[in-house]
Amino acid sequence: MLDETGKTIVLVVETDLQLDPAEIDFEPAKVDALCKNLEQHRKDTKYVDVVRLMRRPAPSPVSVETTARFGAATLRFRPK
């Protein structure tokens, strides 16, 4: 990121925690603890200007080819 001095160092932290308070699996105590730890880390590490917290993306589903037998016929199902 660039600011008026020409640079800002951003530490991007991915987490499995839900960060949206509107979601059912949001755990405010865990998110608050993580934020406090990251803020302390930012203060202790002079070269980090900003910490950005983001949710780790869910893994992509893996495509699987399925084969089956129906009587004498072999069936193949391939994902698109």
N, C-alpha and C. Protein backbone atom coordinates (compact mmCIF):
# COMPACT_ATOMS: atom_id res chain seq x y z
N MET A 1 0.85 -1.18 0.00
CA MET A 1 0.00 0.00 0.00
C MET A 1 0.89 1.22 0.00
N LEU A 2 0.42 2.26 -0.62
CA LEU A 2 1.17 3.51 -0.66
C LEU A 2 0.42 4.58 0.11
N ASP A 3 1.14 5.32 0.92
CA ASP A 3 0.56 6.47 1.61
C ASP A 3 1.33 7.72 1.20
N GLU A 4 1.14 8.81 1.92
CA GLU A 4 1.80 10.06 1.54
C GLU A 4 3.32 9.98 1.63
N THR A 5 3.86 9.07 2.44
CA THR A 5 5.31 8.90 2.52
C THR A 5 5.83 7.96 1.44
N GLY A 6 4.93 7.31 0.74
CA GLY A 6 5.33 6.44 -0.35
C GLY A 6 5.19 4.97 -0.06
N LYS A 7 4.98 4.60 1.21
CA LYS A 7 4.81 3.17 1.49
C LYS A 7 4.11 2.94 2.82
N THR A 8 3.43 1.84 2.90
CA THR A 8 2.84 1.33 4.13
C THR A 8 3.02 -0.18 4.09
N ILE A 9 3.59 -0.74 5.13
CA ILE A 9 3.78 -2.18 5.21
C ILE A 9 2.55 -2.79 5.86
N VAL A 10 1.90 -3.71 5.13
CA VAL A 10 0.67 -4.35 5.60
C VAL A 10 0.96 -5.82 5.85
N LEU A 11 0.69 -6.29 7.06
CA LEU A 11 0.77 -7.70 7.38
C LEU A 11 -0.63 -8.28 7.23
N VAL A 12 -0.80 -9.19 6.27
CA VAL A 12 -2.09 -9.82 6.02
C VAL A 12 -2.10 -11.16 6.74
N VAL A 13 -3.08 -11.35 7.62
CA VAL A 13 -3.18 -12.57 8.42
C VAL A 13 -4.46 -13.30 8.03
N GLU A 14 -4.31 -14.55 7.59
CA GLU A 14 -5.46 -15.38 7.27
C GLU A 14 -5.82 -16.22 8.50
N THR A 15 -7.12 -16.37 8.74
CA THR A 15 -7.58 -17.15 9.88
C THR A 15 -8.77 -18.01 9.47
N ASP A 16 -8.95 -19.10 10.21
CA ASP A 16 -10.12 -19.94 10.00
C ASP A 16 -11.31 -19.43 10.81
N LEU A 17 -11.08 -18.45 11.69
CA LEU A 17 -12.17 -17.91 12.50
C LEU A 17 -13.16 -17.15 11.62
N GLN A 18 -14.44 -17.24 11.98
CA GLN A 18 -15.46 -16.44 11.31
C GLN A 18 -15.29 -14.99 11.77
N LEU A 19 -15.20 -14.05 10.84
CA LEU A 19 -14.98 -12.65 11.18
C LEU A 19 -16.24 -11.81 11.07
N ASP A 20 -17.30 -12.37 10.54
CA ASP A 20 -18.56 -11.65 10.36
C ASP A 20 -19.47 -11.91 11.56
N PRO A 21 -19.75 -10.87 12.38
CA PRO A 21 -20.60 -11.07 13.56
C PRO A 21 -22.01 -11.57 13.23
N ALA A 22 -22.46 -11.40 12.02
CA ALA A 22 -23.80 -11.84 11.64
C ALA A 22 -23.88 -13.35 11.41
N GLU A 23 -22.74 -14.00 11.28
CA GLU A 23 -22.72 -15.44 11.01
C GLU A 23 -22.86 -16.24 12.30
N ILE A 24 -23.43 -17.43 12.17
CA ILE A 24 -23.75 -18.26 13.33
C ILE A 24 -22.50 -18.76 14.08
N ASP A 25 -21.39 -18.99 13.37
CA ASP A 25 -20.20 -19.53 14.02
C ASP A 25 -19.21 -18.45 14.45
N PHE A 26 -19.66 -17.20 14.55
CA PHE A 26 -18.82 -16.10 15.02
C PHE A 26 -18.55 -16.27 16.51
N GLU A 27 -17.27 -16.24 16.90
CA GLU A 27 -16.87 -16.37 18.30
C GLU A 27 -16.14 -15.10 18.72
N PRO A 28 -16.87 -14.13 19.30
CA PRO A 28 -16.27 -12.83 19.58
C PRO A 28 -15.05 -12.89 20.51
N ALA A 29 -15.04 -13.76 21.49
CA ALA A 29 -13.90 -13.83 22.41
C ALA A 29 -12.63 -14.25 21.68
N LYS A 30 -12.74 -15.22 20.78
CA LYS A 30 -11.57 -15.67 20.02
C LYS A 30 -11.09 -14.61 19.05
N VAL A 31 -12.03 -13.92 18.40
CA VAL A 31 -11.65 -12.86 17.45
C VAL A 31 -10.99 -11.70 18.20
N ASP A 32 -11.55 -11.33 19.36
CA ASP A 32 -10.96 -10.25 20.16
C ASP A 32 -9.55 -10.61 20.62
N ALA A 33 -9.36 -11.86 21.07
CA ALA A 33 -8.04 -12.30 21.51
C ALA A 33 -7.04 -12.25 20.36
N LEU A 34 -7.46 -12.70 19.18
CA LEU A 34 -6.58 -12.65 18.02
C LEU A 34 -6.22 -11.21 17.67
N CYS A 35 -7.20 -10.33 17.69
CA CYS A 35 -6.95 -8.91 17.37
C CYS A 35 -5.98 -8.28 18.36
N LYS A 36 -6.15 -8.59 19.65
CA LYS A 36 -5.24 -8.05 20.67
C LYS A 36 -3.82 -8.55 20.46
N ASN A 37 -3.68 -9.85 20.17
CA ASN A 37 -2.35 -10.41 19.91
C ASN A 37 -1.70 -9.78 18.68
N LEU A 38 -2.49 -9.60 17.63
CA LEU A 38 -1.94 -9.00 16.41
C LEU A 38 -1.57 -7.54 16.62
N GLU A 39 -2.36 -6.82 17.40
CA GLU A 39 -2.04 -5.42 17.69
C GLU A 39 -0.75 -5.33 18.50
N GLN A 40 -0.57 -6.22 19.46
CA GLN A 40 0.68 -6.23 20.23
C GLN A 40 1.86 -6.57 19.32
N HIS A 41 1.67 -7.51 18.42
CA HIS A 41 2.72 -7.86 17.46
C HIS A 41 3.07 -6.66 16.59
N ARG A 42 2.05 -5.94 16.14
CA ARG A 42 2.30 -4.76 15.30
C ARG A 42 3.09 -3.72 16.07
N LYS A 43 2.78 -3.52 17.34
CA LYS A 43 3.51 -2.53 18.16
C LYS A 43 4.96 -2.97 18.39
N ASP A 44 5.17 -4.28 18.58
CA ASP A 44 6.51 -4.80 18.83
C ASP A 44 7.35 -4.87 17.57
N THR A 45 6.72 -4.94 16.41
CA THR A 45 7.42 -5.04 15.13
C THR A 45 7.34 -3.68 14.45
N LYS A 46 8.41 -2.96 14.48
CA LYS A 46 8.40 -1.57 14.01
C LYS A 46 8.17 -1.42 12.52
N TYR A 47 8.46 -2.45 11.73
CA TYR A 47 8.32 -2.30 10.28
C TYR A 47 6.92 -2.59 9.77
N VAL A 48 6.02 -3.07 10.63
CA VAL A 48 4.64 -3.33 10.21
C VAL A 48 3.78 -2.13 10.59
N ASP A 49 3.15 -1.51 9.59
CA ASP A 49 2.31 -0.33 9.83
C ASP A 49 0.86 -0.71 10.09
N VAL A 50 0.36 -1.70 9.37
CA VAL A 50 -1.05 -2.07 9.42
C VAL A 50 -1.16 -3.59 9.43
N VAL A 51 -2.14 -4.10 10.18
CA VAL A 51 -2.45 -5.53 10.14
C VAL A 51 -3.84 -5.67 9.55
N ARG A 52 -3.96 -6.51 8.54
CA ARG A 52 -5.25 -6.76 7.91
C ARG A 52 -5.61 -8.22 8.17
N LEU A 53 -6.75 -8.43 8.78
CA LEU A 53 -7.23 -9.76 9.14
C LEU A 53 -8.26 -10.19 8.11
N MET A 54 -8.11 -11.41 7.59
CA MET A 54 -9.06 -11.90 6.61
C MET A 54 -9.34 -13.38 6.83
N ARG A 55 -10.51 -13.81 6.42
CA ARG A 55 -10.92 -15.20 6.55
C ARG A 55 -10.23 -16.02 5.48
N ARG A 56 -9.67 -17.16 5.87
CA ARG A 56 -9.04 -18.07 4.92
C ARG A 56 -10.11 -18.62 3.99
N PRO A 57 -9.86 -18.60 2.69
CA PRO A 57 -10.87 -19.13 1.76
C PRO A 57 -11.07 -20.63 1.95
N ALA A 58 -12.30 -21.06 1.75
CA ALA A 58 -12.61 -22.49 1.84
C ALA A 58 -11.90 -23.22 0.71
N PRO A 59 -11.47 -24.45 0.97
CA PRO A 59 -10.82 -25.19 -0.11
C PRO A 59 -11.78 -25.45 -1.26
N SER A 60 -11.23 -25.45 -2.46
CA SER A 60 -12.03 -25.72 -3.64
C SER A 60 -12.42 -27.19 -3.67
N PRO A 61 -13.65 -27.48 -4.11
CA PRO A 61 -14.02 -28.89 -4.22
C PRO A 61 -13.17 -29.58 -5.29
N VAL A 62 -12.89 -30.82 -5.07
CA VAL A 62 -12.08 -31.60 -6.00
C VAL A 62 -13.02 -32.37 -6.93
N SER A 63 -12.75 -32.28 -8.21
CA SER A 63 -13.54 -33.01 -9.20
C SER A 63 -13.16 -34.48 -9.17
N VAL A 64 -14.16 -35.33 -9.17
CA VAL A 64 -13.93 -36.77 -9.12
C VAL A 64 -14.74 -37.44 -10.23
N GLU A 65 -14.07 -38.31 -10.98
CA GLU A 65 -14.79 -39.09 -11.98
C GLU A 65 -15.35 -40.33 -11.30
N THR A 66 -16.62 -40.62 -11.54
CA THR A 66 -17.28 -41.77 -10.93
C THR A 66 -17.63 -42.77 -12.02
N THR A 67 -17.33 -44.02 -11.73
CA THR A 67 -17.71 -45.09 -12.67
C THR A 67 -18.62 -46.08 -11.93
N ALA A 68 -19.53 -46.70 -12.68
CA ALA A 68 -20.46 -47.67 -12.09
C ALA A 68 -20.82 -48.70 -13.14
N ARG A 69 -21.37 -49.79 -12.68
CA ARG A 69 -21.86 -50.83 -13.59
C ARG A 69 -23.36 -50.94 -13.41
N PHE A 70 -24.06 -50.98 -14.52
CA PHE A 70 -25.50 -51.20 -14.51
C PHE A 70 -25.75 -52.35 -15.47
N GLY A 71 -25.85 -53.55 -14.90
CA GLY A 71 -25.92 -54.73 -15.76
C GLY A 71 -24.61 -54.88 -16.50
N ALA A 72 -24.67 -55.00 -17.81
CA ALA A 72 -23.46 -55.13 -18.62
C ALA A 72 -22.86 -53.78 -18.99
N ALA A 73 -23.58 -52.71 -18.71
CA ALA A 73 -23.12 -51.37 -19.13
C ALA A 73 -22.22 -50.74 -18.07
N THR A 74 -21.18 -50.06 -18.54
CA THR A 74 -20.31 -49.28 -17.66
C THR A 74 -20.72 -47.82 -17.79
N LEU A 75 -20.98 -47.18 -16.68
CA LEU A 75 -21.38 -45.77 -16.66
C LEU A 75 -20.24 -44.92 -16.13
N ARG A 76 -20.01 -43.79 -16.76
CA ARG A 76 -18.98 -42.85 -16.30
C ARG A 76 -19.63 -41.50 -16.12
N PHE A 77 -19.35 -40.89 -14.99
CA PHE A 77 -19.85 -39.54 -14.69
C PHE A 77 -18.63 -38.65 -14.48
N ARG A 78 -18.50 -37.67 -15.37
CA ARG A 78 -17.39 -36.74 -15.29
C ARG A 78 -17.92 -35.36 -14.96
N PRO A 79 -17.34 -34.71 -13.97
CA PRO A 79 -17.81 -33.35 -13.64
C PRO A 79 -17.45 -32.39 -14.76
N LYS A 80 -18.25 -31.37 -14.91
CA LYS A 80 -18.01 -30.36 -15.94
C LYS A 80 -17.04 -29.33 -15.46
